[in-house]
């Protein structure tokens, strides 16, 4: 039971991650902000921390997982300047 509770709390809290994407010479990243507590602001903060000289937004999307009242999954694909 403790593992289920811990898993549910992690889904609610979520985290923001930046995964590098190989696209030739450009530095692109997929920023994922998953969880009910994560806002778009969390994604943009992660993008700013990832690309210290700025970035261009290539794609921005979100969807509801339908788990625990509609957990949000936000995706931001960026290219560093």
PDB file of N, CA and C in Angstrom:
ATOM      1  N   UNK A   1       0.822  -1.199   0.000  1.00  0.00           N
ATOM      2  CA  UNK A   1       0.000   0.000   0.000  1.00  0.00           C
ATOM      3  C   UNK A   1       0.864   1.259   0.000  1.00  0.00           C
ATOM      4  N   UNK A   2       1.992   1.183   0.708  1.00  0.00           N
ATOM      5  CA  UNK A   2       2.867   2.353   0.770  1.00  0.00           C
ATOM      6  C   UNK A   2       3.403   2.722  -0.617  1.00  0.00           C
ATOM      7  N   UNK A   3       3.710   1.732  -1.448  1.00  0.00           N
ATOM      8  CA  UNK A   3       4.221   1.997  -2.785  1.00  0.00           C
ATOM      9  C   UNK A   3       3.172   2.658  -3.662  1.00  0.00           C
ATOM     10  N   UNK A   4       1.920   2.281  -3.495  1.00  0.00           N
ATOM     11  CA  UNK A   4       0.840   2.897  -4.272  1.00  0.00           C
ATOM     12  C   UNK A   4       0.691   4.362  -3.872  1.00  0.00           C
ATOM     13  N   UNK A   5       0.732   4.649  -2.581  1.00  0.00           N
ATOM     14  CA  UNK A   5       0.616   6.018  -2.103  1.00  0.00           C
ATOM     15  C   UNK A   5       1.778   6.866  -2.603  1.00  0.00           C
ATOM     16  N   UNK A   6       2.986   6.334  -2.539  1.00  0.00           N
ATOM     17  CA  UNK A   6       4.158   7.056  -3.012  1.00  0.00           C
ATOM     18  C   UNK A   6       4.046   7.330  -4.507  1.00  0.00           C
ATOM     19  N   UNK A   7       3.618   6.353  -5.290  1.00  0.00           N
ATOM     20  CA  UNK A   7       3.452   6.530  -6.729  1.00  0.00           C
ATOM     21  C   UNK A   7       2.418   7.583  -7.049  1.00  0.00           C
ATOM     22  N   UNK A   8       1.320   7.587  -6.324  1.00  0.00           N
ATOM     23  CA  UNK A   8       0.266   8.577  -6.549  1.00  0.00           C
ATOM     24  C   UNK A   8       0.779   9.980  -6.230  1.00  0.00           C
ATOM     25  N   UNK A   9       1.553  10.123  -5.180  1.00  0.00           N
ATOM     26  CA  UNK A   9       2.100  11.431  -4.826  1.00  0.00           C
ATOM     27  C   UNK A   9       3.082  11.921  -5.889  1.00  0.00           C
ATOM     28  N   UNK A  10       3.889  11.024  -6.429  1.00  0.00           N
ATOM     29  CA  UNK A  10       4.821  11.418  -7.483  1.00  0.00           C
ATOM     30  C   UNK A  10       4.081  11.864  -8.737  1.00  0.00           C
ATOM     31  N   UNK A  11       2.989  11.205  -9.074  1.00  0.00           N
ATOM     32  CA  UNK A  11       2.196  11.586 -10.238  1.00  0.00           C
ATOM     33  C   UNK A  11       1.581  12.962 -10.037  1.00  0.00           C
ATOM     34  N   UNK A  12       1.106  13.228  -8.836  1.00  0.00           N
ATOM     35  CA  UNK A  12       0.512  14.523  -8.540  1.00  0.00           C
ATOM     36  C   UNK A  12       1.557  15.629  -8.554  1.00  0.00           C
ATOM     37  N   UNK A  13       2.719  15.371  -7.942  1.00  0.00           N
ATOM     38  CA  UNK A  13       3.761  16.386  -7.847  1.00  0.00           C
ATOM     39  C   UNK A  13       4.451  16.570  -9.185  1.00  0.00           C
ATOM     40  N   UNK A  14       4.822  15.463  -9.820  1.00  0.00           N
ATOM     41  CA  UNK A  14       5.473  15.512 -11.117  1.00  0.00           C
ATOM     42  C   UNK A  14       6.841  16.148 -11.068  1.00  0.00           C
ATOM     43  N   UNK A  15       7.416  16.319 -12.242  1.00  0.00           N
ATOM     44  CA  UNK A  15       8.724  16.953 -12.349  1.00  0.00           C
ATOM     45  C   UNK A  15       8.887  17.488 -13.761  1.00  0.00           C
ATOM     46  N   UNK A  16       9.885  18.338 -13.935  1.00  0.00           N
ATOM     47  CA  UNK A  16      10.203  18.873 -15.256  1.00  0.00           C
ATOM     48  C   UNK A  16      11.547  18.294 -15.673  1.00  0.00           C
ATOM     49  N   UNK A  17      11.592  17.675 -16.848  1.00  0.00           N
ATOM     50  CA  UNK A  17      12.831  17.080 -17.348  1.00  0.00           C
ATOM     51  C   UNK A  17      13.140  17.623 -18.738  1.00  0.00           C
ATOM     52  N   UNK A  18      14.433  17.624 -19.072  1.00  0.00           N
ATOM     53  CA  UNK A  18      14.887  18.044 -20.397  1.00  0.00           C
ATOM     54  C   UNK A  18      15.684  16.904 -21.017  1.00  0.00           C
ATOM     55  N   UNK A  19      15.208  16.390 -22.139  1.00  0.00           N
ATOM     56  CA  UNK A  19      15.870  15.293 -22.842  1.00  0.00           C
ATOM     57  C   UNK A  19      16.433  15.814 -24.157  1.00  0.00           C
ATOM     58  N   UNK A  20      17.765  15.668 -24.370  1.00  0.00           N
ATOM     59  CA  UNK A  20      18.343  16.119 -25.643  1.00  0.00           C
ATOM     60  C   UNK A  20      17.790  15.322 -26.820  1.00  0.00           C
ATOM     61  N   UNK A  21      17.602  16.015 -27.949  1.00  0.00           N
ATOM     62  CA  UNK A  21      17.133  15.387 -29.184  1.00  0.00           C
ATOM     63  C   UNK A  21      18.209  15.620 -30.231  1.00  0.00           C
ATOM     64  N   UNK A  22      18.642  14.570 -30.908  1.00  0.00           N
ATOM     65  CA  UNK A  22      19.664  14.707 -31.958  1.00  0.00           C
ATOM     66  C   UNK A  22      19.013  15.193 -33.249  1.00  0.00           C
ATOM     67  N   UNK A  23      19.450  16.371 -33.711  1.00  0.00           N
ATOM     68  CA  UNK A  23      18.925  16.940 -34.966  1.00  0.00           C
ATOM     69  C   UNK A  23      20.033  17.654 -35.716  1.00  0.00           C
ATOM     70  N   UNK A  24      21.119  16.990 -35.979  1.00  0.00           N
ATOM     71  CA  UNK A  24      22.237  17.627 -36.672  1.00  0.00           C
ATOM     72  C   UNK A  24      23.035  18.490 -35.722  1.00  0.00           C
ATOM     73  N   UNK A  25      23.322  19.743 -36.127  1.00  0.00           N
ATOM     74  CA  UNK A  25      24.157  20.634 -35.322  1.00  0.00           C
ATOM     75  C   UNK A  25      23.386  21.397 -34.250  1.00  0.00           C
ATOM     76  N   UNK A  26      22.084  21.525 -34.401  1.00  0.00           N
ATOM     77  CA  UNK A  26      21.280  22.303 -33.452  1.00  0.00           C
ATOM     78  C   UNK A  26      21.077  21.529 -32.158  1.00  0.00           C
ATOM     79  N   UNK A  27      21.034  22.262 -31.054  1.00  0.00           N
ATOM     80  CA  UNK A  27      20.747  21.638 -29.765  1.00  0.00           C
ATOM     81  C   UNK A  27      19.257  21.761 -29.492  1.00  0.00           C
ATOM     82  N   UNK A  28      18.554  20.654 -29.629  1.00  0.00           N
ATOM     83  CA  UNK A  28      17.120  20.629 -29.344  1.00  0.00           C
ATOM     84  C   UNK A  28      16.868  19.762 -28.125  1.00  0.00           C
ATOM     85  N   UNK A  29      15.803  20.112 -27.407  1.00  0.00           N
ATOM     86  CA  UNK A  29      15.431  19.388 -26.203  1.00  0.00           C
ATOM     87  C   UNK A  29      13.927  19.197 -26.149  1.00  0.00           C
ATOM     88  N   UNK A  30      13.522  18.101 -25.555  1.00  0.00           N
ATOM     89  CA  UNK A  30      12.121  17.874 -25.244  1.00  0.00           C
ATOM     90  C   UNK A  30      11.969  18.103 -23.751  1.00  0.00           C
ATOM     91  N   UNK A  31      11.228  19.136 -23.400  1.00  0.00           N
ATOM     92  CA  UNK A  31      10.956  19.456 -21.999  1.00  0.00           C
ATOM     93  C   UNK A  31       9.614  18.821 -21.659  1.00  0.00           C
ATOM     94  N   UNK A  32       9.580  18.000 -20.627  1.00  0.00           N
ATOM     95  CA  UNK A  32       8.345  17.358 -20.190  1.00  0.00           C
ATOM     96  C   UNK A  32       8.049  17.795 -18.761  1.00  0.00           C
ATOM     97  N   UNK A  33       6.845  18.297 -18.562  1.00  0.00           N
ATOM     98  CA  UNK A  33       6.391  18.735 -17.241  1.00  0.00           C
ATOM     99  C   UNK A  33       5.139  17.942 -16.914  1.00  0.00           C
ATOM    100  N   UNK A  34       5.316  16.883 -16.170  1.00  0.00           N
ATOM    101  CA  UNK A  34       4.223  15.954 -15.902  1.00  0.00           C
ATOM    102  C   UNK A  34       3.777  16.052 -14.456  1.00  0.00           C
ATOM    103  N   UNK A  35       2.491  16.000 -14.258  1.00  0.00           N
ATOM    104  CA  UNK A  35       1.920  16.019 -12.922  1.00  0.00           C
ATOM    105  C   UNK A  35       0.968  17.183 -12.750  1.00  0.00           C
ATOM    106  N   UNK A  36       0.061  17.041 -11.838  1.00  0.00           N
ATOM    107  CA  UNK A  36      -0.945  18.081 -11.603  1.00  0.00           C
ATOM    108  C   UNK A  36      -0.336  19.364 -11.057  1.00  0.00           C
ATOM    109  N   UNK A  37       0.782  19.244 -10.322  1.00  0.00           N
ATOM    110  CA  UNK A  37       1.401  20.419  -9.709  1.00  0.00           C
ATOM    111  C   UNK A  37       2.281  21.188 -10.688  1.00  0.00           C
ATOM    112  N   UNK A  38       2.562  20.621 -11.856  1.00  0.00           N
ATOM    113  CA  UNK A  38       3.433  21.276 -12.832  1.00  0.00           C
ATOM    114  C   UNK A  38       2.607  22.174 -13.747  1.00  0.00           C
ATOM    115  N   UNK A  39       3.054  23.402 -13.912  1.00  0.00           N
ATOM    116  CA  UNK A  39       2.384  24.357 -14.794  1.00  0.00           C
ATOM    117  C   UNK A  39       3.270  24.613 -16.011  1.00  0.00           C
ATOM    118  N   UNK A  40       2.748  25.357 -16.964  1.00  0.00           N
ATOM    119  CA  UNK A  40       3.575  25.732 -18.106  1.00  0.00           C
ATOM    120  C   UNK A  40       4.763  26.554 -17.633  1.00  0.00           C
ATOM    121  N   UNK A  41       4.585  27.297 -16.583  1.00  0.00           N
ATOM    122  CA  UNK A  41       5.688  28.077 -16.032  1.00  0.00           C
ATOM    123  C   UNK A  41       6.861  27.175 -15.653  1.00  0.00           C
ATOM    124  N   UNK A  42       6.565  25.982 -15.135  1.00  0.00           N
ATOM    125  CA  UNK A  42       7.619  25.019 -14.796  1.00  0.00           C
ATOM    126  C   UNK A  42       8.383  24.601 -16.046  1.00  0.00           C
ATOM    127  N   UNK A  43       7.669  24.386 -17.143  1.00  0.00           N
ATOM    128  CA  UNK A  43       8.304  24.011 -18.411  1.00  0.00           C
ATOM    129  C   UNK A  43       9.198  25.135 -18.925  1.00  0.00           C
ATOM    130  N   UNK A  44       8.703  26.362 -18.889  1.00  0.00           N
ATOM    131  CA  UNK A  44       9.473  27.487 -19.401  1.00  0.00           C
ATOM    132  C   UNK A  44      10.697  27.771 -18.526  1.00  0.00           C
ATOM    133  N   UNK A  45      10.565  27.577 -17.235  1.00  0.00           N
ATOM    134  CA  UNK A  45      11.715  27.724 -16.332  1.00  0.00           C
ATOM    135  C   UNK A  45      12.780  26.692 -16.661  1.00  0.00           C
ATOM    136  N   UNK A  46      12.355  25.447 -16.886  1.00  0.00           N
ATOM    137  CA  UNK A  46      13.298  24.387 -17.251  1.00  0.00           C
ATOM    138  C   UNK A  46      13.962  24.716 -18.589  1.00  0.00           C
ATOM    139  N   UNK A  47      13.208  25.237 -19.542  1.00  0.00           N
ATOM    140  CA  UNK A  47      13.766  25.616 -20.844  1.00  0.00           C
ATOM    141  C   UNK A  47      14.800  26.729 -20.685  1.00  0.00           C
ATOM    142  N   UNK A  48      14.498  27.725 -19.867  1.00  0.00           N
ATOM    143  CA  UNK A  48      15.448  28.818 -19.624  1.00  0.00           C
ATOM    144  C   UNK A  48      16.718  28.320 -18.952  1.00  0.00           C
ATOM    145  N   UNK A  49      16.586  27.376 -18.041  1.00  0.00           N
ATOM    146  CA  UNK A  49      17.752  26.813 -17.360  1.00  0.00           C
ATOM    147  C   UNK A  49      18.556  25.912 -18.292  1.00  0.00           C
ATOM    148  N   UNK A  50      17.900  25.289 -19.249  1.00  0.00           N
ATOM    149  CA  UNK A  50      18.564  24.385 -20.189  1.00  0.00           C
ATOM    150  C   UNK A  50      19.312  25.165 -21.263  1.00  0.00           C
ATOM    151  N   UNK A  51      18.711  26.227 -21.759  1.00  0.00           N
ATOM    152  CA  UNK A  51      19.312  27.044 -22.826  1.00  0.00           C
ATOM    153  C   UNK A  51      19.595  28.438 -22.269  1.00  0.00           C
ATOM    154  N   UNK A  52      20.777  28.624 -21.731  1.00  0.00           N
ATOM    155  CA  UNK A  52      21.096  29.878 -21.046  1.00  0.00           C
ATOM    156  C   UNK A  52      21.162  31.086 -21.985  1.00  0.00           C
ATOM    157  N   UNK A  53      21.338  30.865 -23.302  1.00  0.00           N
ATOM    158  CA  UNK A  53      21.369  31.974 -24.271  1.00  0.00           C
ATOM    159  C   UNK A  53      20.036  32.169 -24.968  1.00  0.00           C
ATOM    160  N   UNK A  54      18.984  31.559 -24.446  1.00  0.00           N
ATOM    161  CA  UNK A  54      17.662  31.675 -25.044  1.00  0.00           C
ATOM    162  C   UNK A  54      17.329  30.466 -25.902  1.00  0.00           C
ATOM    163  N   UNK A  55      16.089  30.403 -26.350  1.00  0.00           N
ATOM    164  CA  UNK A  55      15.619  29.262 -27.133  1.00  0.00           C
ATOM    165  C   UNK A  55      14.448  29.678 -28.013  1.00  0.00           C
ATOM    166  N   UNK A  56      14.201  28.859 -29.018  1.00  0.00           N
ATOM    167  CA  UNK A  56      13.011  28.986 -29.865  1.00  0.00           C
ATOM    168  C   UNK A  56      12.092  27.817 -29.545  1.00  0.00           C
ATOM    169  N   UNK A  57      10.799  28.089 -29.408  1.00  0.00           N
ATOM    170  CA  UNK A  57       9.826  27.028 -29.182  1.00  0.00           C
ATOM    171  C   UNK A  57       9.442  26.420 -30.527  1.00  0.00           C
ATOM    172  N   UNK A  58       9.648  25.112 -30.664  1.00  0.00           N
ATOM    173  CA  UNK A  58       9.324  24.411 -31.899  1.00  0.00           C
ATOM    174  C   UNK A  58       7.961  23.735 -31.827  1.00  0.00           C
ATOM    175  N   UNK A  59       7.579  23.310 -30.632  1.00  0.00           N
ATOM    176  CA  UNK A  59       6.298  22.617 -30.450  1.00  0.00           C
ATOM    177  C   UNK A  59       5.889  22.708 -28.990  1.00  0.00           C
ATOM    178  N   UNK A  60       4.600  22.877 -28.753  1.00  0.00           N
ATOM    179  CA  UNK A  60       4.066  22.943 -27.399  1.00  0.00           C
ATOM    180  C   UNK A  60       2.739  22.197 -27.391  1.00  0.00           C
ATOM    181  N   UNK A  61       2.613  21.205 -26.506  1.00  0.00           N
ATOM    182  CA  UNK A  61       1.366  20.446 -26.454  1.00  0.00           C
ATOM    183  C   UNK A  61       1.118  19.941 -25.041  1.00  0.00           C
ATOM    184  N   UNK A  62      -0.126  19.589 -24.794  1.00  0.00           N
ATOM    185  CA  UNK A  62      -0.493  19.002 -23.503  1.00  0.00           C
ATOM    186  C   UNK A  62      -1.641  18.025 -23.720  1.00  0.00           C
ATOM    187  N   UNK A  63      -1.767  17.107 -22.788  1.00  0.00           N
ATOM    188  CA  UNK A  63      -2.895  16.180 -22.819  1.00  0.00           C
ATOM    189  C   UNK A  63      -3.193  15.701 -21.412  1.00  0.00           C
ATOM    190  N   UNK A  64      -4.407  15.218 -21.241  1.00  0.00           N
ATOM    191  CA  UNK A  64      -4.830  14.666 -19.962  1.00  0.00           C
ATOM    192  C   UNK A  64      -4.685  13.158 -20.013  1.00  0.00           C
ATOM    193  N   UNK A  65      -4.115  12.598 -18.955  1.00  0.00           N
ATOM    194  CA  UNK A  65      -3.911  11.145 -18.912  1.00  0.00           C
ATOM    195  C   UNK A  65      -5.168  10.422 -18.465  1.00  0.00           C
ATOM    196  N   UNK A  66      -6.104  11.145 -17.870  1.00  0.00           N
ATOM    197  CA  UNK A  66      -7.313  10.492 -17.384  1.00  0.00           C
ATOM    198  C   UNK A  66      -7.073   9.705 -16.109  1.00  0.00           C
ATOM    199  N   UNK A  67      -5.921   9.910 -15.497  1.00  0.00           N
ATOM    200  CA  UNK A  67      -5.571   9.215 -14.257  1.00  0.00           C
ATOM    201  C   UNK A  67      -5.688  10.205 -13.111  1.00  0.00           C
ATOM    202  N   UNK A  68      -6.284   9.778 -12.033  1.00  0.00           N
ATOM    203  CA  UNK A  68      -6.416  10.620 -10.842  1.00  0.00           C
ATOM    204  C   UNK A  68      -7.004  11.996 -11.179  1.00  0.00           C
ATOM    205  N   UNK A  69      -8.074  12.000 -11.886  1.00  0.00           N
ATOM    206  CA  UNK A  69      -8.755  13.254 -12.182  1.00  0.00           C
ATOM    207  C   UNK A  69      -8.143  14.050 -13.311  1.00  0.00           C
ATOM    208  N   UNK A  70      -7.403  13.416 -14.191  1.00  0.00           N
ATOM    209  CA  UNK A  70      -6.884  14.116 -15.364  1.00  0.00           C
ATOM    210  C   UNK A  70      -5.504  14.704 -15.185  1.00  0.00           C
ATOM    211  N   UNK A  71      -4.519  13.882 -14.849  1.00  0.00           N
ATOM    212  CA  UNK A  71      -3.148  14.365 -14.709  1.00  0.00           C
ATOM    213  C   UNK A  71      -2.687  14.987 -16.017  1.00  0.00           C
ATOM    214  N   UNK A  72      -2.066  16.118 -15.940  1.00  0.00           N
ATOM    215  CA  UNK A  72      -1.598  16.847 -17.118  1.00  0.00           C
ATOM    216  C   UNK A  72      -0.205  16.392 -17.527  1.00  0.00           C
ATOM    217  N   UNK A  73      -0.018  16.188 -18.811  1.00  0.00           N
ATOM    218  CA  UNK A  73       1.286  15.911 -19.384  1.00  0.00           C
ATOM    219  C   UNK A  73       1.563  17.029 -20.378  1.00  0.00           C
ATOM    220  N   UNK A  74       2.586  17.831 -20.099  1.00  0.00           N
ATOM    221  CA  UNK A  74       2.925  18.971 -20.949  1.00  0.00           C
ATOM    222  C   UNK A  74       4.258  18.687 -21.634  1.00  0.00           C
ATOM    223  N   UNK A  75       4.345  19.013 -22.928  1.00  0.00           N
ATOM    224  CA  UNK A  75       5.547  18.781 -23.720  1.00  0.00           C
ATOM    225  C   UNK A  75       5.925  20.070 -24.436  1.00  0.00           C
ATOM    226  N   UNK A  76       7.186  20.410 -24.356  1.00  0.00           N
ATOM    227  CA  UNK A  76       7.704  21.609 -24.993  1.00  0.00           C
ATOM    228  C   UNK A  76       8.991  21.214 -25.712  1.00  0.00           C
ATOM    229  N   UNK A  77       9.002  21.336 -27.041  1.00  0.00           N
ATOM    230  CA  UNK A  77      10.216  21.035 -27.799  1.00  0.00           C
ATOM    231  C   UNK A  77      10.866  22.364 -28.165  1.00  0.00           C
ATOM    232  N   UNK A  78      12.144  22.492 -27.805  1.00  0.00           N
ATOM    233  CA  UNK A  78      12.851  23.762 -27.982  1.00  0.00           C
ATOM    234  C   UNK A  78      14.165  23.566 -28.724  1.00  0.00           C
ATOM    235  N   UNK A  79      14.671  24.648 -29.297  1.00  0.00           N
ATOM    236  CA  UNK A  79      16.000  24.667 -29.924  1.00  0.00           C
ATOM    237  C   UNK A  79      16.771  25.813 -29.276  1.00  0.00           C
ATOM    238  N   UNK A  80      17.916  25.505 -28.698  1.00  0.00           N
ATOM    239  CA  UNK A  80      18.748  26.536 -28.079  1.00  0.00           C
ATOM    240  C   UNK A  80      19.323  27.461 -29.136  1.00  0.00           C
ATOM    241  N   UNK A  81      19.478  28.732 -28.782  1.00  0.00           N
ATOM    242  CA  UNK A  81      20.065  29.735 -29.688  1.00  0.00           C
ATOM    243  C   UNK A  81      21.571  29.732 -29.517  1.00  0.00           C
TER     244      UNK A  81
END
